[in-house]
Amino acid sequence: MILLLLVAIVGAAYFLPSQIEATPNNCDAVNTRVRKLAEVELAKLPAIAATAKGQNAIGAAKAQMPSGRAITALIQAKLPQVPPEAGCAAAYWATQIWPDIRSWAPAILAARPAG
């Protein structure tokens, strides 16, 4: 019975991220989650957002947010032995537990592909 419960929990942890974020796969789900967290952080800057220059800066920051490839590359670099979809599912749940994107940002930016 415990084994069945464990299998159900692991299965849900693997399949739910893409369902929660309405994306085709877990890597897109974690990318969507990271972008949402980053947008929340940007929205916390009311003094900057009140000016036209601030709006332009926020727009530029959003445009520079990493794509799913960068996040997937980071996950593969950190968890090379884990299949990408499983690593992305783990990263998704990590963002649920530790939603402070500021601690993630340096690693995400470092893994960003050139170009």
C-alpha atoms as a PDB file:
ATOM      1  CA  MET A   1       0.000   0.000   0.000  1.00  0.00           C
ATOM      2  CA  ILE A   2       2.855   2.398   0.848  1.00  0.00           C
ATOM      3  CA  LEU A   3       4.550   1.569  -2.451  1.00  0.00           C
ATOM      4  CA  LEU A   4       1.347   2.362  -4.342  1.00  0.00           C
ATOM      5  CA  LEU A   5       1.045   5.682  -2.524  1.00  0.00           C
ATOM      6  CA  LEU A   6       4.679   6.499  -3.300  1.00  0.00           C
ATOM      7  CA  VAL A   7       4.153   5.698  -7.004  1.00  0.00           C
ATOM      8  CA  ALA A   8       1.049   7.931  -7.060  1.00  0.00           C
ATOM      9  CA  ILE A   9       2.944  10.842  -5.454  1.00  0.00           C
ATOM     10  CA  VAL A  10       5.908  10.537  -7.813  1.00  0.00           C
ATOM     11  CA  GLY A  11       3.566  10.251 -10.805  1.00  0.00           C
ATOM     12  CA  ALA A  12       1.621  13.325  -9.747  1.00  0.00           C
ATOM     13  CA  ALA A  13       4.839  15.265  -9.143  1.00  0.00           C
ATOM     14  CA  TYR A  14       5.986  14.359 -12.656  1.00  0.00           C
ATOM     15  CA  PHE A  15       2.750  15.000 -14.577  1.00  0.00           C
ATOM     16  CA  LEU A  16       1.179  17.924 -12.690  1.00  0.00           C
ATOM     17  CA  PRO A  17       3.547  20.824 -13.553  1.00  0.00           C
ATOM     18  CA  SER A  18       2.542  20.860 -17.213  1.00  0.00           C
ATOM     19  CA  GLN A  19      -1.116  20.581 -16.237  1.00  0.00           C
ATOM     20  CA  ILE A  20      -0.925  23.362 -13.648  1.00  0.00           C
ATOM     21  CA  GLU A  21       0.772  25.784 -16.044  1.00  0.00           C
ATOM     22  CA  ALA A  22      -1.190  24.565 -19.116  1.00  0.00           C
ATOM     23  CA  THR A  23       1.973  23.851 -21.097  1.00  0.00           C
ATOM     24  CA  PRO A  24       2.917  20.905 -23.314  1.00  0.00           C
ATOM     25  CA  ASN A  25       5.785  19.697 -21.106  1.00  0.00           C
ATOM     26  CA  ASN A  26       7.512  20.163 -17.750  1.00  0.00           C
ATOM     27  CA  CYS A  27      10.354  22.300 -19.110  1.00  0.00           C
ATOM     28  CA  ASP A  28       7.873  24.788 -20.534  1.00  0.00           C
ATOM     29  CA  ALA A  29       6.024  24.683 -17.203  1.00  0.00           C
ATOM     30  CA  VAL A  30       9.118  25.610 -15.192  1.00  0.00           C
ATOM     31  CA  ASN A  31       9.945  28.324 -17.742  1.00  0.00           C
ATOM     32  CA  THR A  32       6.428  29.760 -17.357  1.00  0.00           C
ATOM     33  CA  ARG A  33       6.728  29.598 -13.575  1.00  0.00           C
ATOM     34  CA  VAL A  34      10.113  31.384 -13.559  1.00  0.00           C
ATOM     35  CA  ARG A  35       8.793  34.106 -15.877  1.00  0.00           C
ATOM     36  CA  LYS A  36       5.766  34.629 -13.605  1.00  0.00           C
ATOM     37  CA  LEU A  37       8.006  34.892 -10.552  1.00  0.00           C
ATOM     38  CA  ALA A  38      10.261  37.376 -12.351  1.00  0.00           C
ATOM     39  CA  GLU A  39       7.267  39.488 -13.365  1.00  0.00           C
ATOM     40  CA  VAL A  40       6.087  39.549  -9.744  1.00  0.00           C
ATOM     41  CA  GLU A  41       9.517  40.824  -8.692  1.00  0.00           C
ATOM     42  CA  LEU A  42       9.446  43.495 -11.420  1.00  0.00           C
ATOM     43  CA  ALA A  43       5.972  44.581 -10.302  1.00  0.00           C
ATOM     44  CA  LYS A  44       7.384  45.251  -6.818  1.00  0.00           C
ATOM     45  CA  LEU A  45       9.238  48.251  -8.214  1.00  0.00           C
ATOM     46  CA  PRO A  46       6.432  50.861  -8.133  1.00  0.00           C
ATOM     47  CA  ALA A  47       8.682  53.927  -8.133  1.00  0.00           C
ATOM     48  CA  ILE A  48      10.416  52.774 -11.292  1.00  0.00           C
ATOM     49  CA  ALA A  49       7.223  51.567 -12.958  1.00  0.00           C
ATOM     50  CA  ALA A  50       5.573  54.978 -12.480  1.00  0.00           C
ATOM     51  CA  THR A  51       7.793  56.652 -15.076  1.00  0.00           C
ATOM     52  CA  ALA A  52       7.970  56.137 -18.836  1.00  0.00           C
ATOM     53  CA  LYS A  53      11.687  55.389 -18.526  1.00  0.00           C
ATOM     54  CA  GLY A  54      10.881  52.822 -15.849  1.00  0.00           C
ATOM     55  CA  GLN A  55       8.284  51.171 -18.084  1.00  0.00           C
ATOM     56  CA  ASN A  56      10.876  50.942 -20.857  1.00  0.00           C
ATOM     57  CA  ALA A  57      13.379  49.387 -18.434  1.00  0.00           C
ATOM     58  CA  ILE A  58      10.815  46.844 -17.239  1.00  0.00           C
ATOM     59  CA  GLY A  59       9.929  46.006 -20.849  1.00  0.00           C
ATOM     60  CA  ALA A  60      13.606  45.510 -21.646  1.00  0.00           C
ATOM     61  CA  ALA A  61      14.053  43.310 -18.568  1.00  0.00           C
ATOM     62  CA  LYS A  62      11.103  41.145 -19.614  1.00  0.00           C
ATOM     63  CA  ALA A  63      12.544  40.817 -23.119  1.00  0.00           C
ATOM     64  CA  GLN A  64      15.870  39.668 -21.632  1.00  0.00           C
ATOM     65  CA  MET A  65      14.298  36.946 -19.491  1.00  0.00           C
ATOM     66  CA  PRO A  66      15.788  33.573 -20.337  1.00  0.00           C
ATOM     67  CA  SER A  67      13.951  31.182 -22.608  1.00  0.00           C
ATOM     68  CA  GLY A  68      13.088  27.598 -21.811  1.00  0.00           C
ATOM     69  CA  ARG A  69      16.356  26.500 -23.421  1.00  0.00           C
ATOM     70  CA  ALA A  70      18.388  28.405 -20.834  1.00  0.00           C
ATOM     71  CA  ILE A  71      16.420  26.990 -17.944  1.00  0.00           C
ATOM     72  CA  THR A  72      16.621  23.468 -19.366  1.00  0.00           C
ATOM     73  CA  ALA A  73      20.395  23.905 -19.870  1.00  0.00           C
ATOM     74  CA  LEU A  74      20.752  25.016 -16.250  1.00  0.00           C
ATOM     75  CA  ILE A  75      18.773  22.018 -15.016  1.00  0.00           C
ATOM     76  CA  GLN A  76      20.826  19.631 -17.161  1.00  0.00           C
ATOM     77  CA  ALA A  77      24.049  21.210 -15.888  1.00  0.00           C
ATOM     78  CA  LYS A  78      22.955  20.818 -12.277  1.00  0.00           C
ATOM     79  CA  LEU A  79      21.407  17.349 -12.726  1.00  0.00           C
ATOM     80  CA  PRO A  80      23.274  15.689 -15.630  1.00  0.00           C
ATOM     81  CA  GLN A  81      22.172  12.150 -14.773  1.00  0.00           C
ATOM     82  CA  VAL A  82      18.463  13.030 -14.640  1.00  0.00           C
ATOM     83  CA  PRO A  83      16.301  13.044 -17.796  1.00  0.00           C
ATOM     84  CA  PRO A  84      15.391  16.642 -18.736  1.00  0.00           C
ATOM     85  CA  GLU A  85      11.632  16.225 -18.187  1.00  0.00           C
ATOM     86  CA  ALA A  86      12.188  14.796 -14.692  1.00  0.00           C
ATOM     87  CA  GLY A  87      14.720  17.518 -13.880  1.00  0.00           C
ATOM     88  CA  CYS A  88      12.278  20.178 -15.064  1.00  0.00           C
ATOM     89  CA  ALA A  89       9.541  18.681 -12.888  1.00  0.00           C
ATOM     90  CA  ALA A  90      11.899  18.796  -9.891  1.00  0.00           C
ATOM     91  CA  ALA A  91      12.838  22.402 -10.708  1.00  0.00           C
ATOM     92  CA  TYR A  92       9.158  23.337 -10.991  1.00  0.00           C
ATOM     93  CA  TRP A  93       8.443  22.013  -7.506  1.00  0.00           C
ATOM     94  CA  ALA A  94      11.595  23.724  -6.224  1.00  0.00           C
ATOM     95  CA  THR A  95      10.162  27.047  -7.437  1.00  0.00           C
ATOM     96  CA  GLN A  96       6.987  26.248  -5.536  1.00  0.00           C
ATOM     97  CA  ILE A  97       8.944  25.626  -2.334  1.00  0.00           C
ATOM     98  CA  TRP A  98      11.519  28.439  -2.829  1.00  0.00           C
ATOM     99  CA  PRO A  99       9.749  31.106  -4.903  1.00  0.00           C
ATOM    100  CA  ASP A 100      12.382  33.832  -4.376  1.00  0.00           C
ATOM    101  CA  ILE A 101      13.558  34.287  -7.964  1.00  0.00           C
ATOM    102  CA  ARG A 102      16.383  36.576  -6.845  1.00  0.00           C
ATOM    103  CA  SER A 103      18.283  33.531  -5.566  1.00  0.00           C
ATOM    104  CA  TRP A 104      17.795  31.748  -8.897  1.00  0.00           C
ATOM    105  CA  ALA A 105      18.593  34.653 -11.232  1.00  0.00           C
ATOM    106  CA  PRO A 106      22.435  34.440 -11.262  1.00  0.00           C
ATOM    107  CA  ALA A 107      22.411  30.757 -12.187  1.00  0.00           C
ATOM    108  CA  ILE A 108      19.741  31.225 -14.853  1.00  0.00           C
ATOM    109  CA  LEU A 109      21.588  34.134 -16.446  1.00  0.00           C
ATOM    110  CA  ALA A 110      24.884  32.227 -16.399  1.00  0.00           C
ATOM    111  CA  ALA A 111      23.270  29.286 -18.231  1.00  0.00           C
ATOM    112  CA  ARG A 112      21.697  31.505 -20.891  1.00  0.00           C
ATOM    113  CA  PRO A 113      22.800  30.525 -24.405  1.00  0.00           C
ATOM    114  CA  ALA A 114      24.726  33.152 -26.352  1.00  0.00           C
ATOM    115  CA  GLY A 115      22.981  34.861 -29.221  1.00  0.00           C
END
